[in-house]
PDB file of N, CA and C in Angstrom:
ATOM      1  N   MET A   1      68.104  44.256  54.251  1.00  0.00           N
ATOM      2  CA  MET A   1      68.164  44.902  55.200  1.00  0.00           C
ATOM      3  C   MET A   1      69.273  44.053  56.314  1.00  0.00           C
ATOM      4  N   PRO A   2      69.282  44.956  57.542  1.00  0.00           N
ATOM      5  CA  PRO A   2      70.403  44.465  58.545  1.00  0.00           C
ATOM      6  C   PRO A   2      69.484  43.290  58.652  1.00  0.00           C
ATOM      7  N   ASP A   3      70.739  41.782  59.337  1.00  0.00           N
ATOM      8  CA  ASP A   3      70.315  40.686  59.313  1.00  0.00           C
ATOM      9  C   ASP A   3      71.245  40.424  60.394  1.00  0.00           C
ATOM     10  N   ASP A   4      70.259  40.933  62.307  1.00  0.00           N
ATOM     11  CA  ASP A   4      71.021  40.888  63.221  1.00  0.00           C
ATOM     12  C   ASP A   4      70.592  39.280  64.032  1.00  0.00           C
ATOM     13  N   ARG A   5      69.690  38.298  62.998  1.00  0.00           N
ATOM     14  CA  ARG A   5      68.823  37.288  64.138  1.00  0.00           C
ATOM     15  C   ARG A   5      70.005  36.594  64.055  1.00  0.00           C
ATOM     16  N   SER A   6      71.456  36.761  63.572  1.00  0.00           N
ATOM     17  CA  SER A   6      71.996  35.258  63.958  1.00  0.00           C
ATOM     18  C   SER A   6      72.536  35.656  65.968  1.00  0.00           C
ATOM     19  N   SER A   7      72.591  36.791  66.086  1.00  0.00           N
ATOM     20  CA  SER A   7      72.934  37.223  67.186  1.00  0.00           C
ATOM     21  C   SER A   7      71.895  37.078  68.428  1.00  0.00           C
ATOM     22  N   GLY A   8      70.827  36.809  68.382  1.00  0.00           N
ATOM     23  CA  GLY A   8      69.907  36.833  68.499  1.00  0.00           C
ATOM     24  C   GLY A   8      69.184  37.942  69.453  1.00  0.00           C
ATOM     25  N   SER A   9      69.800  39.193  69.307  1.00  0.00           N
ATOM     26  CA  SER A   9      69.439  40.245  69.651  1.00  0.00           C
ATOM     27  C   SER A   9      68.477  41.151  68.033  1.00  0.00           C
ATOM     28  N   PRO A  10      67.540  41.804  68.933  1.00  0.00           N
ATOM     29  CA  PRO A  10      66.291  41.958  68.038  1.00  0.00           C
ATOM     30  C   PRO A  10      67.023  43.357  67.129  1.00  0.00           C
ATOM     31  N   ILE A  11      66.460  44.013  66.476  1.00  0.00           N
ATOM     32  CA  ILE A  11      67.384  45.131  65.071  1.00  0.00           C
ATOM     33  C   ILE A  11      66.534  45.822  65.701  1.00  0.00           C
ATOM     34  N   PRO A  12      67.172  47.235  66.558  1.00  0.00           N
ATOM     35  CA  PRO A  12      66.442  48.294  66.994  1.00  0.00           C
ATOM     36  C   PRO A  12      65.985  48.771  65.845  1.00  0.00           C
ATOM     37  N   ALA A  13      64.586  49.595  66.507  1.00  0.00           N
ATOM     38  CA  ALA A  13      63.281  50.072  65.721  1.00  0.00           C
ATOM     39  C   ALA A  13      64.040  51.149  64.391  1.00  0.00           C
ATOM     40  N   ALA A  14      64.636  51.860  64.909  1.00  0.00           N
ATOM     41  CA  ALA A  14      65.593  53.160  64.038  1.00  0.00           C
ATOM     42  C   ALA A  14      66.367  52.002  62.883  1.00  0.00           C
ATOM     43  N   VAL A  15      67.183  51.319  63.689  1.00  0.00           N
ATOM     44  CA  VAL A  15      67.568  50.576  62.319  1.00  0.00           C
ATOM     45  C   VAL A  15      66.805  50.278  61.253  1.00  0.00           C
ATOM     46  N   TRP A  16      65.501  49.443  61.907  1.00  0.00           N
ATOM     47  CA  TRP A  16      64.550  48.176  60.866  1.00  0.00           C
ATOM     48  C   TRP A  16      63.939  49.660  59.887  1.00  0.00           C
ATOM     49  N   LEU A  17      63.424  50.537  61.312  1.00  0.00           N
ATOM     50  CA  LEU A  17      62.634  51.531  60.367  1.00  0.00           C
ATOM     51  C   LEU A  17      63.492  52.339  58.813  1.00  0.00           C
ATOM     52  N   GLY A  18      64.420  52.009  58.545  1.00  0.00           N
ATOM     53  CA  GLY A  18      65.246  53.069  57.875  1.00  0.00           C
ATOM     54  C   GLY A  18      65.673  51.983  56.752  1.00  0.00           C
ATOM     55  N   SER A  19      65.530  50.981  57.092  1.00  0.00           N
ATOM     56  CA  SER A  19      66.035  49.558  56.231  1.00  0.00           C
ATOM     57  C   SER A  19      64.893  49.798  55.619  1.00  0.00           C
ATOM     58  N   VAL A  20      63.825  50.214  56.197  1.00  0.00           N
ATOM     59  CA  VAL A  20      62.226  49.262  55.189  1.00  0.00           C
ATOM     60  C   VAL A  20      62.264  50.210  54.652  1.00  0.00           C
ATOM     61  N   HIS A  21      62.686  51.541  54.754  1.00  0.00           N
ATOM     62  CA  HIS A  21      62.297  52.890  53.988  1.00  0.00           C
ATOM     63  C   HIS A  21      63.058  52.975  52.995  1.00  0.00           C
ATOM     64  N   ASP A  22      64.363  52.443  52.884  1.00  0.00           N
ATOM     65  CA  ASP A  22      65.304  52.179  52.055  1.00  0.00           C
ATOM     66  C   ASP A  22      64.614  51.590  51.116  1.00  0.00           C
ATOM     67  N   ALA A  23      64.337  49.503  51.330  1.00  0.00           N
ATOM     68  CA  ALA A  23      63.999  48.842  50.839  1.00  0.00           C
ATOM     69  C   ALA A  23      62.917  49.731  50.003  1.00  0.00           C
ATOM     70  N   VAL A  24      61.736  50.601  50.372  1.00  0.00           N
ATOM     71  CA  VAL A  24      60.297  50.929  49.331  1.00  0.00           C
ATOM     72  C   VAL A  24      60.806  51.624  48.350  1.00  0.00           C
ATOM     73  N   GLY A  25      62.175  52.388  48.569  1.00  0.00           N
ATOM     74  CA  GLY A  25      62.460  53.479  47.962  1.00  0.00           C
ATOM     75  C   GLY A  25      62.249  54.800  47.819  1.00  0.00           C
ATOM     76  N   PRO A  26      62.109  55.501  46.731  1.00  0.00           N
ATOM     77  CA  PRO A  26      61.291  56.893  46.536  1.00  0.00           C
ATOM     78  C   PRO A  26      59.877  56.472  47.032  1.00  0.00           C
ATOM     79  N   SER A  27      59.424  55.995  46.200  1.00  0.00           N
ATOM     80  CA  SER A  27      57.739  56.225  46.609  1.00  0.00           C
ATOM     81  C   SER A  27      57.182  55.609  48.364  1.00  0.00           C
ATOM     82  N   GLY A  28      58.430  55.952  48.945  1.00  0.00           N
ATOM     83  CA  GLY A  28      58.087  55.443  50.294  1.00  0.00           C
ATOM     84  C   GLY A  28      57.643  56.945  51.138  1.00  0.00           C
ATOM     85  N   GLY A  29      58.241  58.165  50.284  1.00  0.00           N
ATOM     86  CA  GLY A  29      57.890  59.358  51.038  1.00  0.00           C
ATOM     87  C   GLY A  29      59.128  59.788  52.211  1.00  0.00           C
ATOM     88  N   ALA A  30      58.786  60.922  53.101  1.00  0.00           N
ATOM     89  CA  ALA A  30      59.729  60.975  53.864  1.00  0.00           C
ATOM     90  C   ALA A  30      59.630  59.767  55.250  1.00  0.00           C
ATOM     91  N   PRO A  31      61.347  59.411  55.735  1.00  0.00           N
ATOM     92  CA  PRO A  31      60.976  58.462  56.439  1.00  0.00           C
ATOM     93  C   PRO A  31      59.978  59.285  57.984  1.00  0.00           C
ATOM     94  N   LEU A  32      59.604  57.999  58.735  1.00  0.00           N
ATOM     95  CA  LEU A  32      58.805  58.828  59.560  1.00  0.00           C
ATOM     96  C   LEU A  32      59.456  59.352  61.156  1.00  0.00           C
ATOM     97  N   THR A  33      59.011  60.373  61.060  1.00  0.00           N
ATOM     98  CA  THR A  33      59.368  61.441  62.615  1.00  0.00           C
ATOM     99  C   THR A  33      59.087  59.747  64.304  1.00  0.00           C
ATOM    100  N   GLU A  34      59.358  60.631  64.890  1.00  0.00           N
ATOM    101  CA  GLU A  34      58.860  60.377  66.181  1.00  0.00           C
ATOM    102  C   GLU A  34      57.952  60.304  66.694  1.00  0.00           C
ATOM    103  N   GLU A  35      57.431  61.476  66.083  1.00  0.00           N
ATOM    104  CA  GLU A  35      55.631  61.743  66.345  1.00  0.00           C
ATOM    105  C   GLU A  35      54.689  60.844  65.962  1.00  0.00           C
ATOM    106  N   GLU A  36      55.072  60.864  64.206  1.00  0.00           N
ATOM    107  CA  GLU A  36      54.671  60.070  63.253  1.00  0.00           C
ATOM    108  C   GLU A  36      54.532  58.496  64.220  1.00  0.00           C
ATOM    109  N   GLN A  37      55.241  57.826  64.084  1.00  0.00           N
ATOM    110  CA  GLN A  37      55.728  56.925  64.956  1.00  0.00           C
ATOM    111  C   GLN A  37      55.249  56.480  66.711  1.00  0.00           C
ATOM    112  N   THR A  38      54.877  57.593  67.155  1.00  0.00           N
ATOM    113  CA  THR A  38      53.933  57.358  68.300  1.00  0.00           C
ATOM    114  C   THR A  38      52.722  57.316  67.747  1.00  0.00           C
ATOM    115  N   ALA A  39      52.045  58.323  67.035  1.00  0.00           N
ATOM    116  CA  ALA A  39      50.750  57.643  66.499  1.00  0.00           C
ATOM    117  C   ALA A  39      50.505  56.982  66.148  1.00  0.00           C
ATOM    118  N   LEU A  40      51.135  56.130  65.515  1.00  0.00           N
ATOM    119  CA  LEU A  40      50.743  54.587  64.448  1.00  0.00           C
ATOM    120  C   LEU A  40      50.650  53.879  65.810  1.00  0.00           C
ATOM    121  N   LEU A  41      51.985  53.631  66.312  1.00  0.00           N
ATOM    122  CA  LEU A  41      51.413  52.939  67.420  1.00  0.00           C
ATOM    123  C   LEU A  41      49.923  52.924  68.612  1.00  0.00           C
ATOM    124  N   ASP A  42      49.938  54.483  68.557  1.00  0.00           N
ATOM    125  CA  ASP A  42      48.913  54.641  69.492  1.00  0.00           C
ATOM    126  C   ASP A  42      47.734  53.839  68.347  1.00  0.00           C
ATOM    127  N   ILE A  43      47.556  54.279  67.429  1.00  0.00           N
ATOM    128  CA  ILE A  43      46.308  53.724  66.368  1.00  0.00           C
ATOM    129  C   ILE A  43      46.438  52.061  66.219  1.00  0.00           C
ATOM    130  N   ALA A  44      47.731  51.379  66.059  1.00  0.00           N
ATOM    131  CA  ALA A  44      47.663  50.392  66.500  1.00  0.00           C
ATOM    132  C   ALA A  44      46.600  49.291  67.769  1.00  0.00           C
ATOM    133  N   ARG A  45      47.573  50.464  68.981  1.00  0.00           N
ATOM    134  CA  ARG A  45      47.126  49.280  70.203  1.00  0.00           C
ATOM    135  C   ARG A  45      45.594  49.923  70.418  1.00  0.00           C
ATOM    136  N   ILE A  46      45.421  50.839  69.741  1.00  0.00           N
ATOM    137  CA  ILE A  46      44.294  51.205  69.463  1.00  0.00           C
ATOM    138  C   ILE A  46      42.945  50.400  68.606  1.00  0.00           C
ATOM    139  N   ALA A  47      43.614  49.713  67.618  1.00  0.00           N
ATOM    140  CA  ALA A  47      42.663  48.657  66.960  1.00  0.00           C
ATOM    141  C   ALA A  47      42.942  47.335  67.783  1.00  0.00           C
ATOM    142  N   ALA A  48      43.858  46.663  67.948  1.00  0.00           N
ATOM    143  CA  ALA A  48      43.985  45.799  68.842  1.00  0.00           C
ATOM    144  C   ALA A  48      43.309  45.761  69.647  1.00  0.00           C
ATOM    145  N   HIS A  49      43.025  46.616  70.565  1.00  0.00           N
ATOM    146  CA  HIS A  49      42.090  46.645  71.591  1.00  0.00           C
ATOM    147  C   HIS A  49      40.402  46.776  71.549  1.00  0.00           C
ATOM    148  N   SER A  50      40.976  47.097  70.486  1.00  0.00           N
ATOM    149  CA  SER A  50      39.093  47.585  70.282  1.00  0.00           C
ATOM    150  C   SER A  50      38.434  46.429  69.426  1.00  0.00           C
ATOM    151  N   SER A  51      39.285  46.031  68.787  1.00  0.00           N
ATOM    152  CA  SER A  51      38.308  44.924  67.477  1.00  0.00           C
ATOM    153  C   SER A  51      39.309  43.738  67.529  1.00  0.00           C
ATOM    154  N   GLU A  52      39.373  43.038  66.345  1.00  0.00           N
ATOM    155  CA  GLU A  52      40.501  41.824  66.344  1.00  0.00           C
ATOM    156  C   GLU A  52      41.774  42.276  66.097  1.00  0.00           C
ATOM    157  N   ARG A  53      42.583  41.653  66.922  1.00  0.00           N
ATOM    158  CA  ARG A  53      44.178  42.026  66.815  1.00  0.00           C
ATOM    159  C   ARG A  53      44.851  42.119  65.284  1.00  0.00           C
ATOM    160  N   ILE A  54      44.660  41.130  64.467  1.00  0.00           N
ATOM    161  CA  ILE A  54      45.036  41.923  63.073  1.00  0.00           C
ATOM    162  C   ILE A  54      44.549  43.393  62.607  1.00  0.00           C
ATOM    163  N   THR A  55      43.626  43.896  63.008  1.00  0.00           N
ATOM    164  CA  THR A  55      43.460  44.795  62.846  1.00  0.00           C
ATOM    165  C   THR A  55      44.409  45.975  62.561  1.00  0.00           C
ATOM    166  N   ALA A  56      45.425  45.496  63.963  1.00  0.00           N
ATOM    167  CA  ALA A  56      46.341  46.524  63.504  1.00  0.00           C
ATOM    168  C   ALA A  56      47.222  47.038  62.985  1.00  0.00           C
ATOM    169  N   PRO A  57      47.960  45.787  62.283  1.00  0.00           N
ATOM    170  CA  PRO A  57      48.621  46.469  61.178  1.00  0.00           C
ATOM    171  C   PRO A  57      47.749  46.932  59.815  1.00  0.00           C
ATOM    172  N   LEU A  58      46.350  46.431  59.861  1.00  0.00           N
ATOM    173  CA  LEU A  58      45.899  46.919  58.468  1.00  0.00           C
ATOM    174  C   LEU A  58      45.147  47.744  59.025  1.00  0.00           C
ATOM    175  N   THR A  59      45.048  48.543  59.931  1.00  0.00           N
ATOM    176  CA  THR A  59      44.506  49.749  60.100  1.00  0.00           C
ATOM    177  C   THR A  59      45.611  50.885  59.917  1.00  0.00           C
ATOM    178  N   THR A  60      47.075  50.803  60.543  1.00  0.00           N
ATOM    179  CA  THR A  60      48.577  51.318  60.286  1.00  0.00           C
ATOM    180  C   THR A  60      48.628  51.497  58.663  1.00  0.00           C
ATOM    181  N   PHE A  61      47.819  50.327  58.155  1.00  0.00           N
ATOM    182  CA  PHE A  61      48.335  50.334  56.536  1.00  0.00           C
ATOM    183  C   PHE A  61      47.635  50.913  55.852  1.00  0.00           C
ATOM    184  N   LEU A  62      45.690  51.736  56.557  1.00  0.00           N
ATOM    185  CA  LEU A  62      45.294  52.570  55.421  1.00  0.00           C
ATOM    186  C   LEU A  62      45.588  53.960  56.039  1.00  0.00           C
ATOM    187  N   ALA A  63      45.474  53.866  57.851  1.00  0.00           N
ATOM    188  CA  ALA A  63      46.142  54.810  57.930  1.00  0.00           C
ATOM    189  C   ALA A  63      47.251  56.422  56.790  1.00  0.00           C
ATOM    190  N   GLY A  64      48.413  54.492  56.570  1.00  0.00           N
ATOM    191  CA  GLY A  64      50.094  55.652  55.710  1.00  0.00           C
ATOM    192  C   GLY A  64      49.184  55.660  53.911  1.00  0.00           C
ATOM    193  N   VAL A  65      48.305  54.792  53.954  1.00  0.00           N
ATOM    194  CA  VAL A  65      47.888  55.059  52.281  1.00  0.00           C
ATOM    195  C   VAL A  65      46.781  56.225  52.332  1.00  0.00           C
ATOM    196  N   ALA A  66      46.549  56.617  53.333  1.00  0.00           N
ATOM    197  CA  ALA A  66      45.543  58.084  53.395  1.00  0.00           C
ATOM    198  C   ALA A  66      46.223  59.416  53.234  1.00  0.00           C
ATOM    199  N   PHE A  67      47.378  59.429  54.594  1.00  0.00           N
ATOM    200  CA  PHE A  67      47.893  60.681  55.074  1.00  0.00           C
ATOM    201  C   PHE A  67      49.639  60.427  54.440  1.00  0.00           C
ATOM    202  N   GLY A  68      50.036  59.178  53.508  1.00  0.00           N
ATOM    203  CA  GLY A  68      51.257  59.026  53.425  1.00  0.00           C
ATOM    204  C   GLY A  68      52.194  60.178  52.473  1.00  0.00           C
ATOM    205  N   ALA A  69      50.986  61.110  51.784  1.00  0.00           N
ATOM    206  CA  ALA A  69      51.580  61.955  50.756  1.00  0.00           C
ATOM    207  C   ALA A  69      51.575  63.002  51.548  1.00  0.00           C
ATOM    208  N   LEU A  70      51.378  63.255  53.113  1.00  0.00           N
ATOM    209  CA  LEU A  70      50.930  64.772  52.965  1.00  0.00           C
ATOM    210  C   LEU A  70      52.740  64.516  54.037  1.00  0.00           C
ATOM    211  N   PRO A  71      52.621  66.732  54.323  1.00  0.00           N
ATOM    212  CA  PRO A  71      54.310  66.457  54.645  1.00  0.00           C
ATOM    213  C   PRO A  71      54.119  66.307  55.986  1.00  0.00           C
ATOM    214  N   PRO A  72      55.613  65.547  56.331  1.00  0.00           N
ATOM    215  CA  PRO A  72      55.754  65.445  58.321  1.00  0.00           C
ATOM    216  C   PRO A  72      54.913  66.154  58.833  1.00  0.00           C
ATOM    217  N   GLY A  73      54.835  66.725  58.500  1.00  0.00           N
ATOM    218  CA  GLY A  73      54.451  67.640  59.821  1.00  0.00           C
ATOM    219  C   GLY A  73      52.897  67.322  59.932  1.00  0.00           C
ATOM    220  N   GLU A  74      52.104  67.835  59.080  1.00  0.00           N
ATOM    221  CA  GLU A  74      50.722  67.116  58.750  1.00  0.00           C
ATOM    222  C   GLU A  74      50.278  65.985  58.730  1.00  0.00           C
ATOM    223  N   ARG A  75      51.391  65.178  58.390  1.00  0.00           N
ATOM    224  CA  ARG A  75      50.899  63.874  58.967  1.00  0.00           C
ATOM    225  C   ARG A  75      51.052  63.425  60.312  1.00  0.00           C
ATOM    226  N   ALA A  76      51.676  64.080  60.631  1.00  0.00           N
ATOM    227  CA  ALA A  76      51.644  63.608  62.635  1.00  0.00           C
ATOM    228  C   ALA A  76      49.980  63.566  63.245  1.00  0.00           C
ATOM    229  N   ASN A  77      49.965  65.405  62.688  1.00  0.00           N
ATOM    230  CA  ASN A  77      48.464  65.739  62.985  1.00  0.00           C
ATOM    231  C   ASN A  77      47.477  65.055  62.836  1.00  0.00           C
ATOM    232  N   ALA A  78      47.130  64.613  61.537  1.00  0.00           N
ATOM    233  CA  ALA A  78      46.512  63.672  60.747  1.00  0.00           C
ATOM    234  C   ALA A  78      46.203  62.337  61.366  1.00  0.00           C
ATOM    235  N   LEU A  79      47.565  62.092  62.302  1.00  0.00           N
ATOM    236  CA  LEU A  79      47.806  60.383  62.291  1.00  0.00           C
ATOM    237  C   LEU A  79      46.928  60.697  63.737  1.00  0.00           C
ATOM    238  N   ARG A  80      47.493  61.852  64.259  1.00  0.00           N
ATOM    239  CA  ARG A  80      46.872  61.954  66.222  1.00  0.00           C
ATOM    240  C   ARG A  80      45.290  61.948  66.124  1.00  0.00           C
ATOM    241  N   THR A  81      44.712  62.765  65.087  1.00  0.00           N
ATOM    242  CA  THR A  81      43.211  63.022  64.889  1.00  0.00           C
ATOM    243  C   THR A  81      42.985  62.045  64.819  1.00  0.00           C
ATOM    244  N   LEU A  82      43.435  61.245  64.022  1.00  0.00           N
ATOM    245  CA  LEU A  82      42.921  59.406  63.765  1.00  0.00           C
ATOM    246  C   LEU A  82      41.949  58.665  65.079  1.00  0.00           C
ATOM    247  N   ALA A  83      43.970  59.033  65.656  1.00  0.00           N
ATOM    248  CA  ALA A  83      44.278  58.382  66.867  1.00  0.00           C
ATOM    249  C   ALA A  83      42.626  58.785  67.316  1.00  0.00           C
ATOM    250  N   SER A  84      42.970  59.607  67.726  1.00  0.00           N
ATOM    251  CA  SER A  84      41.372  60.307  68.901  1.00  0.00           C
ATOM    252  C   SER A  84      39.939  59.936  68.021  1.00  0.00           C
ATOM    253  N   LYS A  85      39.650  59.542  66.979  1.00  0.00           N
ATOM    254  CA  LYS A  85      38.719  60.004  66.393  1.00  0.00           C
ATOM    255  C   LYS A  85      38.797  57.963  66.647  1.00  0.00           C
ATOM    256  N   LEU A  86      39.638  57.243  67.012  1.00  0.00           N
ATOM    257  CA  LEU A  86      39.261  55.713  66.966  1.00  0.00           C
ATOM    258  C   LEU A  86      39.043  55.584  68.552  1.00  0.00           C
ATOM    259  N   GLU A  87      39.644  56.382  69.093  1.00  0.00           N
ATOM    260  CA  GLU A  87      39.817  56.060  70.542  1.00  0.00           C
ATOM    261  C   GLU A  87      38.123  56.250  71.241  1.00  0.00           C
ATOM    262  N   ARG A  88      37.538  56.816  70.808  1.00  0.00           N
ATOM    263  CA  ARG A  88      36.223  56.963  71.171  1.00  0.00           C
ATOM    264  C   ARG A  88      34.948  56.264  71.304  1.00  0.00           C
TER     265      ARG A  88
END
């Protein structure tokens, strides 16, 4: 993974996510689309504001396990549907 910590600048999200995807390897499936990133951030926000903050990463992990094998277009739809259900 890139290490820009010495410069004091955070690693851009696209670079970080690309590095994580590369590190995970083929089992990581297709890279996240912008739509999926938005939906996952919505899910994390909903979890963090509706429960203990620690549920945000755990909820996004569960969503990834549940929907990770879907094709990218279907993953985005499934994630948006989950966000809608959780926001109620």
